[in-house]
Structures are given as structure tokens and as C-alpha cells.
Protein backbone atom coordinates (compact mmCIF):
# COMPACT_ATOMS: atom_id res chain seq x y z
CA MET A 1 -8.49 0.34 -5.31
CA ILE A 2 -5.80 -1.25 -7.47
CA ASN A 3 -3.62 -4.36 -7.48
CA LEU A 4 -0.36 -4.38 -9.42
CA MET A 5 2.11 -7.17 -10.07
CA TYR A 6 5.65 -5.92 -9.55
CA PRO A 7 8.93 -7.84 -10.00
CA ALA A 8 11.42 -8.13 -7.19
CA ILE A 9 13.15 -4.81 -6.52
CA HIS A 10 16.26 -4.75 -4.35
CA ARG A 11 16.36 -0.97 -3.79
CA TRP A 12 13.49 1.45 -4.13
CA PHE A 13 11.96 4.73 -3.18
CA PHE A 14 8.16 5.24 -3.08
CA ALA A 15 6.62 8.73 -2.89
CA GLN A 16 2.95 9.46 -2.54
CA LYS A 17 0.40 11.92 -1.16
CA VAL A 18 -2.26 10.67 1.28
CA LYS A 19 -5.40 12.33 2.65
CA LEU A 20 -7.58 10.37 5.06
CA LYS A 21 -11.10 11.71 5.65
CA ASN A 22 -12.13 10.79 9.19
CA LYS A 23 -10.19 9.90 12.34
CA THR A 24 -10.37 6.22 13.14
CA ASP A 25 -8.93 3.83 15.73
CA GLU A 26 -8.64 1.16 13.03
CA VAL A 27 -5.56 0.29 10.91
CA VAL A 28 -5.76 1.98 7.51
CA ASN A 29 -3.99 0.20 4.64
CA ILE A 30 -2.17 2.56 2.32
CA LEU A 31 0.22 0.77 -0.05
CA GLY A 32 2.38 -2.28 -0.51
CA LYS A 33 2.37 -6.10 -0.54
CA MET A 34 0.79 -5.86 2.91
CA ASP A 35 0.64 -9.22 4.80
CA SER A 36 2.43 -10.96 1.97
CA GLN A 37 5.63 -8.94 2.21
CA TYR A 38 5.70 -5.22 3.22
CA GLY A 39 3.31 -2.37 3.66
CA ILE A 40 2.63 1.19 4.74
CA GLN A 41 -0.29 1.68 7.18
CA VAL A 42 -1.82 4.31 9.45
CA ASP A 43 -2.34 2.94 12.95
CA GLY A 44 -5.20 5.21 14.12
CA ALA A 45 -5.37 3.86 17.66
CA ASN A 46 -1.72 4.76 18.34
CA ASN A 47 -1.44 7.88 16.22
CA ARG A 48 1.35 6.64 13.97
CA VAL A 49 2.25 5.86 10.36
CA ILE A 50 4.14 2.59 10.01
CA LEU A 51 6.31 0.89 7.42
CA TYR A 52 6.74 -2.87 8.06
CA CYS A 53 7.97 -5.95 6.30
CA CYS A 54 8.40 -9.67 6.64
CA ASP A 55 12.15 -10.22 6.10
CA ALA A 56 14.19 -13.15 4.86
CA GLN A 57 14.40 -14.54 8.42
CA GLY A 58 10.63 -14.49 8.90
CA LYS A 59 10.83 -11.57 11.30
CA TRP A 60 8.84 -8.28 11.14
CA PRO A 61 10.99 -5.17 11.18
CA GLU A 62 8.99 -1.90 11.49
CA VAL A 63 9.54 1.86 11.30
CA GLN A 64 7.06 4.29 12.76
CA TYR A 65 6.32 8.03 12.64
CA LYS A 66 4.21 9.48 15.45
CA TYR A 67 1.81 12.21 14.26
CA ASP A 68 -0.40 14.80 15.93
CA ALA A 69 -3.91 13.40 15.86
CA ASP A 70 -5.38 16.95 15.98
CA THR A 71 -3.80 17.96 12.69
CA PHE A 72 -3.19 14.71 10.79
CA TRP A 73 -6.74 13.75 9.67
CA GLY A 74 -8.44 15.46 6.76
CA GLU A 75 -5.20 16.98 5.41
CA TRP A 76 -2.83 16.01 2.63
CA HIS A 77 0.48 14.47 3.73
CA ASP A 78 3.61 13.54 1.80
CA ILE A 79 4.63 9.97 2.68
CA ALA A 80 7.85 8.49 1.31
CA LEU A 81 9.38 5.05 1.74
CA VAL A 82 13.03 4.07 1.28
CA TYR A 83 14.46 0.57 1.08
CA THR A 84 18.28 0.39 0.61
CA GLY A 85 18.64 -3.38 0.36
CA THR A 86 19.64 -3.67 4.02
CA ASN A 87 17.59 -1.04 5.77
CA MET A 88 14.30 0.88 5.43
CA GLN A 89 13.01 4.28 6.39
CA LEU A 90 9.77 6.24 6.40
CA TYR A 91 9.28 10.00 5.95
CA VAL A 92 6.04 11.91 6.68
CA ASP A 93 6.01 15.49 5.51
CA GLY A 94 9.78 15.37 5.26
CA LYS A 95 10.31 14.09 8.80
CA ALA A 96 12.00 10.73 9.33
CA GLY A 97 10.49 7.90 11.37
CA GLU A 98 12.32 5.64 13.83
CA ALA A 99 12.61 1.91 14.40
CA THR A 100 9.66 0.71 16.44
CA PRO A 101 10.80 -0.30 19.94
CA GLY A 102 10.65 -4.07 20.37
CA ARG A 103 11.04 -4.87 16.67
CA VAL A 104 14.21 -6.58 15.46
CA ASN A 105 15.47 -3.62 13.44
CA ALA A 106 15.57 -1.54 16.66
CA SER A 107 18.80 -3.44 17.43
CA ASP A 108 22.05 -1.80 16.27
CA GLY A 109 23.41 -3.25 13.06
CA TYR A 110 20.33 -5.38 12.18
CA GLN A 111 20.14 -5.76 8.40
CA VAL A 112 16.63 -5.73 6.91
CA VAL A 113 16.60 -8.11 3.90
CA PHE A 114 13.12 -8.50 2.37
CA LYS A 115 11.92 -12.07 1.69
CA SER A 116 11.27 -12.95 -1.93
CA TYR A 117 7.99 -11.47 -3.17
CA ALA A 118 8.04 -11.89 -6.95
CA SER A 119 4.62 -13.53 -7.06
CA SER A 120 2.76 -11.43 -4.50
CA ILE A 121 0.42 -8.51 -5.27
CA PHE A 122 1.16 -4.85 -4.78
CA THR A 123 -2.00 -3.06 -3.57
CA ILE A 124 -3.11 0.55 -3.16
CA GLY A 125 -5.67 1.28 -0.51
CA TYR A 126 -6.38 -2.15 0.96
CA ASN A 127 -4.95 -5.46 2.16
CA THR A 128 -5.97 -8.53 0.14
CA GLU A 129 -5.74 -10.64 3.36
CA LYS A 130 -8.29 -8.53 5.26
CA SER A 131 -12.04 -8.28 4.62
CA THR A 132 -15.18 -7.28 6.51
CA ASN A 133 -18.41 -9.35 6.56
CA HIS A 134 -21.56 -7.26 6.51
CA GLU A 135 -25.08 -7.94 7.78
CA ALA A 136 -27.94 -8.14 5.28
CA ASP A 137 -28.80 -4.91 3.55
CA GLY A 138 -32.30 -3.54 2.79
CA ASN A 139 -32.76 -6.27 0.17
CA GLY A 140 -31.73 -9.04 2.54
CA VAL A 141 -28.36 -9.52 0.87
CA LYS A 142 -25.28 -10.32 2.90
CA TYR A 143 -21.96 -9.31 1.46
CA SER A 144 -18.23 -9.09 2.19
CA THR A 145 -15.84 -6.26 1.21
CA LEU A 146 -12.14 -5.63 1.40
CA ASP A 147 -11.13 -3.06 4.03
CA GLN A 148 -10.60 -0.07 1.77
CA VAL A 149 -9.02 3.28 2.64
CA ASP A 150 -11.48 6.07 3.48
CA GLY A 151 -9.68 8.93 1.71
CA ARG A 152 -7.42 9.67 -1.20
CA ILE A 153 -4.01 8.49 -2.38
CA ALA A 154 -2.33 10.43 -5.19
CA ASP A 155 0.95 11.06 -7.06
CA ILE A 156 2.40 7.60 -6.39
CA LYS A 157 5.86 7.25 -7.90
CA LEU A 158 8.40 4.43 -7.77
CA TYR A 159 12.16 4.91 -8.20
CA LYS A 160 14.08 1.59 -8.32
CA GLY A 161 17.63 0.32 -8.55
CA THR A 162 19.51 3.35 -7.21
CA ASP A 163 19.81 4.13 -3.49
CA TYR A 164 19.28 7.92 -3.54
CA SER A 165 19.59 7.99 0.20
CA GLU A 166 23.18 6.60 0.05
CA GLY A 167 22.54 4.18 2.89
CA LEU A 168 20.16 6.56 4.67
CA THR A 169 23.00 9.08 5.15
CA LYS A 170 21.18 11.72 3.10
CA SER A 171 18.42 13.97 4.45
CA TYR A 172 14.93 13.81 3.02
CA LYS A 173 15.57 17.17 1.35
CA GLU A 174 18.69 15.87 -0.38
CA ILE A 175 16.91 12.66 -1.48
CA LYS A 176 14.04 14.65 -2.90
CA ALA A 177 16.41 16.97 -4.79
CA ALA A 178 18.14 13.99 -6.37
CA LEU A 179 14.82 12.45 -7.44
CA GLU A 180 13.71 15.70 -9.11
CA LYS A 181 16.55 15.18 -11.62
CA VAL A 182 15.41 11.70 -12.75
CA ALA A 183 12.22 10.22 -14.15
CA PRO A 184 10.35 7.73 -11.97
CA ASP A 185 10.39 4.06 -13.07
CA ALA A 186 6.63 3.98 -12.52
CA ASP A 187 4.17 6.84 -12.18
CA ILE A 188 1.07 4.98 -11.03
CA SER A 189 -1.13 8.09 -11.05
CA ALA A 190 -0.55 8.35 -14.85
CA ILE A 191 -1.29 4.73 -15.76
CA PRO A 192 -4.04 4.41 -18.41
CA TYR A 193 -6.39 1.49 -17.73
CA THR A 194 -9.76 -0.17 -18.48
CA ALA A 195 -12.16 -1.38 -15.80
CA VAL A 196 -14.62 -4.34 -15.77
CA THR A 197 -16.80 -5.24 -12.77
CA THR A 198 -18.27 -8.74 -12.19
CA TRP A 199 -20.50 -10.16 -9.38
CA SER A 200 -20.15 -13.68 -8.01
CA ALA A 201 -21.74 -15.94 -5.38
CA ASN A 202 -20.04 -19.00 -3.90
CA GLY A 203 -17.19 -18.58 -6.32
CA THR A 204 -19.35 -18.57 -9.44
CA ALA A 205 -19.75 -15.41 -11.60
CA LEU A 206 -23.35 -14.24 -12.12
CA GLU A 207 -24.70 -14.19 -15.66
CA LYS A 208 -25.47 -10.81 -17.19
CA ASP A 209 -28.79 -9.31 -15.84
CA ALA A 210 -29.05 -12.04 -13.19
CA LYS A 211 -31.12 -11.03 -10.10
CA PHE A 212 -29.82 -11.16 -6.51
CA ALA A 213 -31.31 -13.79 -4.26
CA GLY A 214 -31.94 -13.46 -0.51
CA GLU A 215 -29.66 -14.96 2.15
CA THR A 216 -26.78 -15.07 -0.38
CA VAL A 217 -23.31 -13.56 -0.02
CA TYR A 218 -22.20 -11.70 -3.17
CA THR A 219 -18.78 -10.42 -4.11
CA ALA A 220 -18.19 -7.60 -6.56
CA THR A 221 -14.82 -7.60 -8.33
CA THR A 222 -13.60 -4.76 -10.46
CA VAL A 223 -10.54 -5.56 -12.57
CA TYR A 224 -8.40 -2.64 -13.70
CA THR A 225 -6.06 -3.57 -16.56
CA ALA A 226 -3.22 -1.35 -17.57
CA ARG A 227 -3.19 -0.73 -21.32
CA SER A 228 -0.25 -1.66 -23.50
CA ASP A 229 0.91 1.94 -23.65
CA SER A 230 1.39 1.97 -19.87
CA ASN A 231 4.84 2.15 -18.31
CA LEU A 232 4.04 -0.72 -15.93
CA PRO A 233 6.44 -3.72 -15.95
CA THR A 234 3.42 -6.11 -15.85
CA SER A 235 -0.24 -5.84 -14.93
CA ALA A 236 -2.83 -8.00 -13.20
CA ASN A 237 -4.96 -5.34 -11.56
CA GLN A 238 -7.93 -6.23 -9.37
CA ALA A 239 -9.98 -4.40 -6.76
């Protein structure tokens, strides 16, 4: 799983392919700033894909797409996100979502303006604010992990600056046709990187070749760092 530092973007379009292995009633984190600002998730208990955000007023607008639970799991799906600067939309396999009933953006004319998020972390496959504590394993070691996606996420592309939806007046087919004529601002699937994994206990990194002790909670951190030849604006990648 990857963390990326992205600058503030006032208009953007994200495209990606997602394949989740097994049906679950849990919330599956796909992509975004998640609890810090915005995110795309699969709500397994309610059979829906959701795009949500915390806006400049501290409210939580949300768009949802209801899927068929009998055909959704175990298959690849195209998921696209659009933010125009005043509104947002979600597309799953080319079909548009709708404002979630009860959320502020379900009201006519509500403008969705994202809160500032220049210092938060863009994640793929998990939420930095959510983790699971595990019981001791066969070696008597307790550990905690981030809730990571059980599946695959591929072909993630970011287009920024231009509203190719023209205020959400264009169809998904028209938006896709426009994007095929331009290069993405970031193609995350093509980013070259290096990876280093470290283990720590109580906030202190273990020395090389150190042995695990019983009744101790350990954390493994893998840092993926984009190389200088990458097209990323900046990088501070951690999983």
C-alpha cells in the first residue's frame, strides 16, 4: 500500500481499476485522503461504492453508487472520480452515482468546496486513521496493522486543473473521450520506486538482526520512495 503527498488541486479527475477478492460487510478503503479530507470506499454492508469528503464548512458530502452484490465481487471495475471545484461525482463502470440521501449535497444547489488538505497524505488501499489490533500469533507476539484492501488496484491516473466534465454536464463517455486526448498529470501505476521495511516497538526502531520478544507489540513499516525520474510532484511514501 502506498502513501503520496499531493499539493492542493482545485479540479481533478481520478481513474482507476479495482478488483476486490472476497465479499465483506466491512468498509474497504480504496483511494484518497480518507478521514483527513476525501476518499473512495466500498461499503460492503450496504452494497455501494461511495465518494465522500470533509468540506470547507466541516460537513461531509457524499455520492454513492449501488452495485449488484452477486456480480461486483471478484471482478474488475472501472471507478472514476470527478471534482469540479464546486461539485463531485462518482462513476462505476461508466454509470454515474447519486448524492447520498441525508447528506448536505443532496440539497439542490449545495456547493461542495473541499477544505484545505495540502499537508495530508494521499493513500492507496488503506486509511491511515484506521488500524486493527491482533491477538498474539504462534510466537506470542501481538501486533497491529492498517486495514488494507483485500484485492487489487491498478491503472490509477490523475488529471488536474481542467474540468473535463464541464460542470458535470458531460456524460462519462464524453469525459473519457476527452481524457484519451491528453496525458495524465500523474500515472501512479508507472511510478518507479524503492522500498525499505523497518520494524519498531513502542515507537523505537529495532536494530538489524534484533529478535522479537514475547508480549510486545511490533509495527512493520515499509517506505516506498519515488525516484527522481518519477513524474510525482512530491513523494513521502509509506505503507
